[in-house]
Every structure is written in C-alpha cells, then in structure tokens.
Amino acid sequence: ELLEGRLILEIKRLAARRKYSKAMATALSRGRFL
C-alpha cells in the first residue's frame, strides 16, 4: 500500500516511463507491506 501522495506520483511516473524495476524497488522499500 502506498500511503503518501508524493510516493504514488513517483510510482506512476516511473511506470509511465517504463522503469518497472525501479518502481517495484521504490514501492517495496517506501510503501507499507501488507
């Protein structure tokens, strides 16, 4: 779960730029593991 608005925007931008591995790493490190 991504809780912060800035984190959500960052993940969306990374996905839009096709940087999926970086988006995954960012979500796992800065998001809340459920």
PDB file of all heavy atoms in Angstrom:
ATOM      1  N   GLU A   1       0.850  -1.194   0.000  1.00  0.00           N
ATOM      2  CA  GLU A   1       0.000   0.000   0.000  1.00  0.00           C
ATOM      3  C   GLU A   1       0.885   1.243   0.000  1.00  0.00           C
ATOM      4  O   GLU A   1       1.825   1.349   0.787  1.00  0.00           O
ATOM      5  CB  GLU A   1      -0.907   0.012   1.228  1.00  0.00           C
ATOM      6  CG  GLU A   1      -1.897   1.148   1.209  1.00  0.00           C
ATOM      7  CD  GLU A   1      -2.900   1.058   2.337  1.00  0.00           C
ATOM      8  OE1 GLU A   1      -2.624   0.397   3.360  1.00  0.00           O
ATOM      9  OE2 GLU A   1      -3.971   1.655   2.209  1.00  0.00           O
ATOM     10  N   LEU A   2       0.574   2.165  -0.894  1.00  0.00           N
ATOM     11  CA  LEU A   2       1.281   3.441  -0.963  1.00  0.00           C
ATOM     12  C   LEU A   2       0.419   4.474  -0.271  1.00  0.00           C
ATOM     13  O   LEU A   2      -0.720   4.712  -0.672  1.00  0.00           O
ATOM     14  CB  LEU A   2       1.533   3.830  -2.423  1.00  0.00           C
ATOM     15  CG  LEU A   2       2.203   2.770  -3.294  1.00  0.00           C
ATOM     16  CD1 LEU A   2       2.320   3.264  -4.717  1.00  0.00           C
ATOM     17  CD2 LEU A   2       3.552   2.389  -2.735  1.00  0.00           C
ATOM     18  N   LEU A   3       0.946   5.100   0.767  1.00  0.00           N
ATOM     19  CA  LEU A   3       0.151   6.000   1.586  1.00  0.00           C
ATOM     20  C   LEU A   3       0.352   7.472   1.247  1.00  0.00           C
ATOM     21  O   LEU A   3      -0.581   8.258   1.361  1.00  0.00           O
ATOM     22  CB  LEU A   3       0.466   5.764   3.070  1.00  0.00           C
ATOM     23  CG  LEU A   3       0.168   4.357   3.580  1.00  0.00           C
ATOM     24  CD1 LEU A   3       0.676   4.194   4.998  1.00  0.00           C
ATOM     25  CD2 LEU A   3      -1.306   4.062   3.505  1.00  0.00           C
ATOM     26  N   GLU A   4       1.543   7.857   0.851  1.00  0.00           N
ATOM     27  CA  GLU A   4       1.838   9.264   0.605  1.00  0.00           C
ATOM     28  C   GLU A   4       1.533   9.630  -0.841  1.00  0.00           C
ATOM     29  O   GLU A   4       1.821   8.871  -1.760  1.00  0.00           O
ATOM     30  CB  GLU A   4       3.312   9.549   0.865  1.00  0.00           C
ATOM     31  CG  GLU A   4       3.754   9.278   2.279  1.00  0.00           C
ATOM     32  CD  GLU A   4       5.256   9.444   2.439  1.00  0.00           C
ATOM     33  OE1 GLU A   4       5.917   9.920   1.491  1.00  0.00           O
ATOM     34  OE2 GLU A   4       5.750   9.106   3.509  1.00  0.00           O
ATOM     35  N   GLY A   5       0.981  10.809  -1.039  1.00  0.00           N
ATOM     36  CA  GLY A   5       0.671  11.289  -2.374  1.00  0.00           C
ATOM     37  C   GLY A   5       1.898  11.419  -3.254  1.00  0.00           C
ATOM     38  O   GLY A   5       1.856  11.100  -4.442  1.00  0.00           O
ATOM     39  N   ARG A   6       3.016  11.869  -2.662  1.00  0.00           N
ATOM     40  CA  ARG A   6       4.254  12.013  -3.435  1.00  0.00           C
ATOM     41  C   ARG A   6       4.774  10.655  -3.893  1.00  0.00           C
ATOM     42  O   ARG A   6       5.275  10.523  -5.012  1.00  0.00           O
ATOM     43  CB  ARG A   6       5.329  12.712  -2.605  1.00  0.00           C
ATOM     44  CG  ARG A   6       5.063  14.164  -2.377  1.00  0.00           C
ATOM     45  CD  ARG A   6       6.169  14.871  -1.649  1.00  0.00           C
ATOM     46  NE  ARG A   6       7.229  14.011  -1.157  1.00  0.00           N
ATOM     47  CZ  ARG A   6       8.005  14.284  -0.141  1.00  0.00           C
ATOM     48  NH1 ARG A   6       7.844  15.409   0.522  1.00  0.00           N
ATOM     49  NH2 ARG A   6       8.952  13.466   0.241  1.00  0.00           N
ATOM     50  N   LEU A   7       4.640   9.651  -3.045  1.00  0.00           N
ATOM     51  CA  LEU A   7       5.085   8.306  -3.402  1.00  0.00           C
ATOM     52  C   LEU A   7       4.219   7.732  -4.523  1.00  0.00           C
ATOM     53  O   LEU A   7       4.728   7.111  -5.457  1.00  0.00           O
ATOM     54  CB  LEU A   7       5.058   7.385  -2.181  1.00  0.00           C
ATOM     55  CG  LEU A   7       5.495   5.941  -2.388  1.00  0.00           C
ATOM     56  CD1 LEU A   7       6.904   5.871  -2.951  1.00  0.00           C
ATOM     57  CD2 LEU A   7       5.395   5.178  -1.079  1.00  0.00           C
ATOM     58  N   ILE A   8       2.925   7.951  -4.451  1.00  0.00           N
ATOM     59  CA  ILE A   8       2.015   7.490  -5.506  1.00  0.00           C
ATOM     60  C   ILE A   8       2.382   8.126  -6.835  1.00  0.00           C
ATOM     61  O   ILE A   8       2.475   7.447  -7.862  1.00  0.00           O
ATOM     62  CB  ILE A   8       0.547   7.784  -5.124  1.00  0.00           C
ATOM     63  CG1 ILE A   8       0.133   6.931  -3.923  1.00  0.00           C
ATOM     64  CG2 ILE A   8      -0.377   7.536  -6.309  1.00  0.00           C
ATOM     65  CD1 ILE A   8      -1.192   7.315  -3.315  1.00  0.00           C
ATOM     66  N   LEU A   9       2.619   9.436  -6.831  1.00  0.00           N
ATOM     67  CA  LEU A   9       3.012  10.123  -8.065  1.00  0.00           C
ATOM     68  C   LEU A   9       4.335   9.609  -8.607  1.00  0.00           C
ATOM     69  O   LEU A   9       4.508   9.452  -9.820  1.00  0.00           O
ATOM     70  CB  LEU A   9       3.087  11.633  -7.829  1.00  0.00           C
ATOM     71  CG  LEU A   9       1.762  12.355  -7.665  1.00  0.00           C
ATOM     72  CD1 LEU A   9       1.993  13.822  -7.328  1.00  0.00           C
ATOM     73  CD2 LEU A   9       0.933  12.225  -8.921  1.00  0.00           C
ATOM     74  N   GLU A  10       5.279   9.327  -7.724  1.00  0.00           N
ATOM     75  CA  GLU A  10       6.582   8.821  -8.156  1.00  0.00           C
ATOM     76  C   GLU A  10       6.442   7.460  -8.825  1.00  0.00           C
ATOM     77  O   GLU A  10       7.030   7.210  -9.883  1.00  0.00           O
ATOM     78  CB  GLU A  10       7.538   8.732  -6.964  1.00  0.00           C
ATOM     79  CG  GLU A  10       8.919   8.276  -7.347  1.00  0.00           C
ATOM     80  CD  GLU A  10       9.888   8.255  -6.183  1.00  0.00           C
ATOM     81  OE1 GLU A  10       9.534   8.747  -5.094  1.00  0.00           O
ATOM     82  OE2 GLU A  10      10.996   7.748  -6.379  1.00  0.00           O
ATOM     83  N   ILE A  11       5.639   6.581  -8.235  1.00  0.00           N
ATOM     84  CA  ILE A  11       5.424   5.255  -8.818  1.00  0.00           C
ATOM     85  C   ILE A  11       4.721   5.381 -10.161  1.00  0.00           C
ATOM     86  O   ILE A  11       5.080   4.709 -11.138  1.00  0.00           O
ATOM     87  CB  ILE A  11       4.620   4.353  -7.858  1.00  0.00           C
ATOM     88  CG1 ILE A  11       5.387   4.129  -6.551  1.00  0.00           C
ATOM     89  CG2 ILE A  11       4.260   3.025  -8.523  1.00  0.00           C
ATOM     90  CD1 ILE A  11       6.706   3.422  -6.693  1.00  0.00           C
ATOM     91  N   LYS A  12       3.732   6.260 -10.250  1.00  0.00           N
ATOM     92  CA  LYS A  12       3.027   6.464 -11.524  1.00  0.00           C
ATOM     93  C   LYS A  12       3.969   6.988 -12.601  1.00  0.00           C
ATOM     94  O   LYS A  12       3.917   6.556 -13.758  1.00  0.00           O
ATOM     95  CB  LYS A  12       1.862   7.439 -11.342  1.00  0.00           C
ATOM     96  CG  LYS A  12       0.689   6.838 -10.606  1.00  0.00           C
ATOM     97  CD  LYS A  12      -0.437   7.854 -10.486  1.00  0.00           C
ATOM     98  CE  LYS A  12      -1.651   7.268  -9.809  1.00  0.00           C
ATOM     99  NZ  LYS A  12      -2.762   8.229  -9.716  1.00  0.00           N
ATOM    100  N   ARG A  13       4.845   7.917 -12.236  1.00  0.00           N
ATOM    101  CA  ARG A  13       5.810   8.454 -13.204  1.00  0.00           C
ATOM    102  C   ARG A  13       6.799   7.386 -13.666  1.00  0.00           C
ATOM    103  O   ARG A  13       7.116   7.293 -14.848  1.00  0.00           O
ATOM    104  CB  ARG A  13       6.567   9.629 -12.594  1.00  0.00           C
ATOM    105  CG  ARG A  13       5.762  10.882 -12.523  1.00  0.00           C
ATOM    106  CD  ARG A  13       6.621  12.060 -12.076  1.00  0.00           C
ATOM    107  NE  ARG A  13       5.753  13.170 -11.727  1.00  0.00           N
ATOM    108  CZ  ARG A  13       5.743  13.782 -10.562  1.00  0.00           C
ATOM    109  NH1 ARG A  13       6.591  13.419  -9.615  1.00  0.00           N
ATOM    110  NH2 ARG A  13       4.912  14.765 -10.318  1.00  0.00           N
ATOM    111  N   LEU A  14       7.299   6.599 -12.737  1.00  0.00           N
ATOM    112  CA  LEU A  14       8.228   5.531 -13.100  1.00  0.00           C
ATOM    113  C   LEU A  14       7.562   4.510 -14.019  1.00  0.00           C
ATOM    114  O   LEU A  14       8.165   4.053 -14.996  1.00  0.00           O
ATOM    115  CB  LEU A  14       8.777   4.848 -11.851  1.00  0.00           C
ATOM    116  CG  LEU A  14       9.753   5.665 -11.013  1.00  0.00           C
ATOM    117  CD1 LEU A  14      10.006   4.984  -9.672  1.00  0.00           C
ATOM    118  CD2 LEU A  14      11.049   5.890 -11.758  1.00  0.00           C
ATOM    119  N   ALA A  15       6.322   4.161 -13.724  1.00  0.00           N
ATOM    120  CA  ALA A  15       5.599   3.209 -14.574  1.00  0.00           C
ATOM    121  C   ALA A  15       5.343   3.807 -15.958  1.00  0.00           C
ATOM    122  O   ALA A  15       5.473   3.111 -16.968  1.00  0.00           O
ATOM    123  CB  ALA A  15       4.283   2.810 -13.911  1.00  0.00           C
ATOM    124  N   ALA A  16       5.017   5.088 -16.019  1.00  0.00           N
ATOM    125  CA  ALA A  16       4.780   5.744 -17.308  1.00  0.00           C
ATOM    126  C   ALA A  16       6.056   5.798 -18.146  1.00  0.00           C
ATOM    127  O   ALA A  16       6.000   5.735 -19.377  1.00  0.00           O
ATOM    128  CB  ALA A  16       4.231   7.146 -17.088  1.00  0.00           C
ATOM    129  N   ARG A  17       7.205   5.886 -17.489  1.00  0.00           N
ATOM    130  CA  ARG A  17       8.499   5.918 -18.194  1.00  0.00           C
ATOM    131  C   ARG A  17       9.053   4.516 -18.456  1.00  0.00           C
ATOM    132  O   ARG A  17      10.169   4.370 -18.927  1.00  0.00           O
ATOM    133  CB  ARG A  17       9.517   6.710 -17.378  1.00  0.00           C
ATOM    134  CG  ARG A  17       9.188   8.168 -17.299  1.00  0.00           C
ATOM    135  CD  ARG A  17      10.231   8.898 -16.486  1.00  0.00           C
ATOM    136  NE  ARG A  17       9.838  10.275 -16.292  1.00  0.00           N
ATOM    137  CZ  ARG A  17      10.146  10.999 -15.241  1.00  0.00           C
ATOM    138  NH1 ARG A  17      10.870  10.472 -14.269  1.00  0.00           N
ATOM    139  NH2 ARG A  17       9.744  12.241 -15.135  1.00  0.00           N
ATOM    140  N   ARG A  18       8.284   3.511 -18.109  1.00  0.00           N
ATOM    141  CA  ARG A  18       8.641   2.101 -18.298  1.00  0.00           C
ATOM    142  C   ARG A  18       9.861   1.690 -17.490  1.00  0.00           C
ATOM    143  O   ARG A  18      10.631   0.821 -17.896  1.00  0.00           O
ATOM    144  CB  ARG A  18       8.831   1.784 -19.771  1.00  0.00           C
ATOM    145  CG  ARG A  18       7.574   1.966 -20.564  1.00  0.00           C
ATOM    146  CD  ARG A  18       7.761   1.586 -21.986  1.00  0.00           C
ATOM    147  NE  ARG A  18       6.482   1.746 -22.673  1.00  0.00           N
ATOM    148  CZ  ARG A  18       6.370   1.807 -23.970  1.00  0.00           C
ATOM    149  NH1 ARG A  18       7.438   1.709 -24.725  1.00  0.00           N
ATOM    150  NH2 ARG A  18       5.192   1.957 -24.513  1.00  0.00           N
ATOM    151  N   LYS A  19      10.013   2.284 -16.322  1.00  0.00           N
ATOM    152  CA  LYS A  19      11.083   1.909 -15.397  1.00  0.00           C
ATOM    153  C   LYS A  19      10.460   1.043 -14.297  1.00  0.00           C
ATOM    154  O   LYS A  19      10.362   1.428 -13.133  1.00  0.00           O
ATOM    155  CB  LYS A  19      11.754   3.155 -14.821  1.00  0.00           C
ATOM    156  CG  LYS A  19      12.446   3.968 -15.893  1.00  0.00           C
ATOM    157  CD  LYS A  19      13.181   5.137 -15.313  1.00  0.00           C
ATOM    158  CE  LYS A  19      13.887   5.878 -16.429  1.00  0.00           C
ATOM    159  NZ  LYS A  19      14.757   6.919 -15.945  1.00  0.00           N
ATOM    160  N   TYR A  20      10.038  -0.136 -14.715  1.00  0.00           N
ATOM    161  CA  TYR A  20       9.261  -1.005 -13.833  1.00  0.00           C
ATOM    162  C   TYR A  20      10.072  -1.547 -12.670  1.00  0.00           C
ATOM    163  O   TYR A  20       9.569  -1.616 -11.546  1.00  0.00           O
ATOM    164  CB  TYR A  20       8.649  -2.156 -14.643  1.00  0.00           C
ATOM    165  CG  TYR A  20       7.868  -1.689 -15.841  1.00  0.00           C
ATOM    166  CD1 TYR A  20       8.182  -2.120 -17.113  1.00  0.00           C
ATOM    167  CD2 TYR A  20       6.820  -0.784 -15.697  1.00  0.00           C
ATOM    168  CE1 TYR A  20       7.466  -1.689 -18.223  1.00  0.00           C
ATOM    169  CE2 TYR A  20       6.104  -0.348 -16.792  1.00  0.00           C
ATOM    170  CZ  TYR A  20       6.425  -0.803 -18.054  1.00  0.00           C
ATOM    171  OH  TYR A  20       5.723  -0.363 -19.136  1.00  0.00           O
ATOM    172  N   SER A  21      11.309  -1.932 -12.906  1.00  0.00           N
ATOM    173  CA  SER A  21      12.140  -2.465 -11.816  1.00  0.00           C
ATOM    174  C   SER A  21      12.367  -1.414 -10.739  1.00  0.00           C
ATOM    175  O   SER A  21      12.304  -1.702  -9.545  1.00  0.00           O
ATOM    176  CB  SER A  21      13.485  -2.952 -12.356  1.00  0.00           C
ATOM    177  OG  SER A  21      13.301  -4.063 -13.179  1.00  0.00           O
ATOM    178  N   LYS A  22      12.611  -0.181 -11.156  1.00  0.00           N
ATOM    179  CA  LYS A  22      12.806   0.898 -10.192  1.00  0.00           C
ATOM    180  C   LYS A  22      11.508   1.194  -9.444  1.00  0.00           C
ATOM    181  O   LYS A  22      11.522   1.456  -8.238  1.00  0.00           O
ATOM    182  CB  LYS A  22      13.321   2.152 -10.889  1.00  0.00           C
ATOM    183  CG  LYS A  22      13.715   3.223  -9.924  1.00  0.00           C
ATOM    184  CD  LYS A  22      14.474   4.338 -10.583  1.00  0.00           C
ATOM    185  CE  LYS A  22      14.895   5.341  -9.519  1.00  0.00           C
ATOM    186  NZ  LYS A  22      15.711   6.404 -10.064  1.00  0.00           N
ATOM    187  N   ALA A  23      10.378   1.128 -10.142  1.00  0.00           N
ATOM    188  CA  ALA A  23       9.079   1.338  -9.491  1.00  0.00           C
ATOM    189  C   ALA A  23       8.819   0.252  -8.450  1.00  0.00           C
ATOM    190  O   ALA A  23       8.334   0.533  -7.348  1.00  0.00           O
ATOM    191  CB  ALA A  23       7.960   1.363 -10.529  1.00  0.00           C
ATOM    192  N   MET A  24       9.167  -0.988  -8.784  1.00  0.00           N
ATOM    193  CA  MET A  24       8.989  -2.090  -7.837  1.00  0.00           C
ATOM    194  C   MET A  24       9.863  -1.901  -6.605  1.00  0.00           C
ATOM    195  O   MET A  24       9.390  -2.061  -5.473  1.00  0.00           O
ATOM    196  CB  MET A  24       9.333  -3.424  -8.511  1.00  0.00           C
ATOM    197  CG  MET A  24       8.343  -3.869  -9.555  1.00  0.00           C
ATOM    198  SD  MET A  24       8.903  -5.274 -10.529  1.00  0.00           S
ATOM    199  CE  MET A  24       9.278  -6.476  -9.297  1.00  0.00           C
ATOM    200  N   ALA A  25      11.124  -1.555  -6.827  1.00  0.00           N
ATOM    201  CA  ALA A  25      12.047  -1.367  -5.702  1.00  0.00           C
ATOM    202  C   ALA A  25      11.602  -0.208  -4.814  1.00  0.00           C
ATOM    203  O   ALA A  25      11.652  -0.305  -3.584  1.00  0.00           O
ATOM    204  CB  ALA A  25      13.453  -1.119  -6.231  1.00  0.00           C
ATOM    205  N   THR A  26      11.143   0.868  -5.421  1.00  0.00           N
ATOM    206  CA  THR A  26      10.684   2.027  -4.655  1.00  0.00           C
ATOM    207  C   THR A  26       9.446   1.679  -3.841  1.00  0.00           C
ATOM    208  O   THR A  26       9.342   2.026  -2.663  1.00  0.00           O
ATOM    209  CB  THR A  26      10.387   3.212  -5.595  1.00  0.00           C
ATOM    210  OG1 THR A  26      11.571   3.512  -6.341  1.00  0.00           O
ATOM    211  CG2 THR A  26       9.947   4.436  -4.821  1.00  0.00           C
ATOM    212  N   ALA A  27       8.504   0.980  -4.457  1.00  0.00           N
ATOM    213  CA  ALA A  27       7.272   0.607  -3.754  1.00  0.00           C
ATOM    214  C   ALA A  27       7.566  -0.339  -2.589  1.00  0.00           C
ATOM    215  O   ALA A  27       7.007  -0.189  -1.500  1.00  0.00           O
ATOM    216  CB  ALA A  27       6.286  -0.030  -4.724  1.00  0.00           C
ATOM    217  N   LEU A  28       8.455  -1.305  -2.814  1.00  0.00           N
ATOM    218  CA  LEU A  28       8.776  -2.253  -1.744  1.00  0.00           C
ATOM    219  C   LEU A  28       9.544  -1.597  -0.602  1.00  0.00           C
ATOM    220  O   LEU A  28       9.366  -1.961   0.561  1.00  0.00           O
ATOM    221  CB  LEU A  28       9.580  -3.431  -2.301  1.00  0.00           C
ATOM    222  CG  LEU A  28       8.779  -4.447  -3.111  1.00  0.00           C
ATOM    223  CD1 LEU A  28       9.712  -5.415  -3.819  1.00  0.00           C
ATOM    224  CD2 LEU A  28       7.811  -5.197  -2.211  1.00  0.00           C
ATOM    225  N   SER A  29      10.377  -0.626  -0.919  1.00  0.00           N
ATOM    226  CA  SER A  29      11.195  -0.019   0.136  1.00  0.00           C
ATOM    227  C   SER A  29      10.475   1.112   0.867  1.00  0.00           C
ATOM    228  O   SER A  29      10.698   1.317   2.057  1.00  0.00           O
ATOM    229  CB  SER A  29      12.514   0.491  -0.434  1.00  0.00           C
ATOM    230  OG  SER A  29      12.287   1.523  -1.365  1.00  0.00           O
ATOM    231  N   ARG A  30       9.607   1.845   0.182  1.00  0.00           N
ATOM    232  CA  ARG A  30       8.978   3.010   0.804  1.00  0.00           C
ATOM    233  C   ARG A  30       7.491   2.842   1.073  1.00  0.00           C
ATOM    234  O   ARG A  30       6.891   3.642   1.798  1.00  0.00           O
ATOM    235  CB  ARG A  30       9.213   4.240  -0.060  1.00  0.00           C
ATOM    236  CG  ARG A  30      10.704   4.583  -0.105  1.00  0.00           C
ATOM    237  CD  ARG A  30      11.045   5.744  -0.979  1.00  0.00           C
ATOM    238  NE  ARG A  30      10.187   6.896  -0.801  1.00  0.00           N
ATOM    239  CZ  ARG A  30      10.021   7.848  -1.713  1.00  0.00           C
ATOM    240  NH1 ARG A  30      10.656   7.770  -2.864  1.00  0.00           N
ATOM    241  NH2 ARG A  30       9.225   8.863  -1.483  1.00  0.00           N
ATOM    242  N   GLY A  31       6.881   1.802   0.500  1.00  0.00           N
ATOM    243  CA  GLY A  31       5.466   1.541   0.737  1.00  0.00           C
ATOM    244  C   GLY A  31       5.268   0.685   1.972  1.00  0.00           C
ATOM    245  O   GLY A  31       6.219   0.197   2.576  1.00  0.00           O
ATOM    246  N   ARG A  32       4.023   0.474   2.341  1.00  0.00           N
ATOM    247  CA  ARG A  32       3.691  -0.354   3.507  1.00  0.00           C
ATOM    248  C   ARG A  32       3.360  -1.765   3.028  1.00  0.00           C
ATOM    249  O   ARG A  32       2.386  -1.975   2.298  1.00  0.00           O
ATOM    250  CB  ARG A  32       2.508   0.231   4.263  1.00  0.00           C
ATOM    251  CG  ARG A  32       2.168  -0.538   5.528  1.00  0.00           C
ATOM    252  CD  ARG A  32       1.131   0.177   6.334  1.00  0.00           C
ATOM    253  NE  ARG A  32      -0.149   0.174   5.657  1.00  0.00           N
ATOM    254  CZ  ARG A  32      -1.290  -0.223   6.213  1.00  0.00           C
ATOM    255  NH1 ARG A  32      -1.306  -0.618   7.453  1.00  0.00           N
ATOM    256  NH2 ARG A  32      -2.397  -0.196   5.533  1.00  0.00           N
ATOM    257  N   PHE A  33       4.195  -2.725   3.421  1.00  0.00           N
ATOM    258  CA  PHE A  33       3.974  -4.117   3.051  1.00  0.00           C
ATOM    259  C   PHE A  33       2.740  -4.635   3.771  1.00  0.00           C
ATOM    260  O   PHE A  33       2.647  -4.556   4.994  1.00  0.00           O
ATOM    261  CB  PHE A  33       5.205  -4.952   3.422  1.00  0.00           C
ATOM    262  CG  PHE A  33       5.036  -6.412   3.168  1.00  0.00           C
ATOM    263  CD1 PHE A  33       5.141  -6.905   1.885  1.00  0.00           C
ATOM    264  CD2 PHE A  33       4.770  -7.278   4.211  1.00  0.00           C
ATOM    265  CE1 PHE A  33       4.981  -8.265   1.643  1.00  0.00           C
ATOM    266  CE2 PHE A  33       4.608  -8.624   3.981  1.00  0.00           C
ATOM    267  CZ  PHE A  33       4.716  -9.123   2.698  1.00  0.00           C
ATOM    268  N   LEU A  34       1.778  -5.184   3.011  1.00  0.00           N
ATOM    269  CA  LEU A  34       0.565  -5.717   3.621  1.00  0.00           C
ATOM    270  C   LEU A  34       0.630  -7.235   3.774  1.00  0.00           C
ATOM    271  O   LEU A  34       0.342  -7.754   4.842  1.00  0.00           O
ATOM    272  CB  LEU A  34      -0.665  -5.317   2.799  1.00  0.00           C
ATOM    273  CG  LEU A  34      -0.961  -3.826   2.726  1.00  0.00           C
ATOM    274  CD1 LEU A  34      -2.142  -3.559   1.813  1.00  0.00           C
ATOM    275  CD2 LEU A  34      -1.221  -3.266   4.115  1.00  0.00           C
TER     276      LEU A  34
END
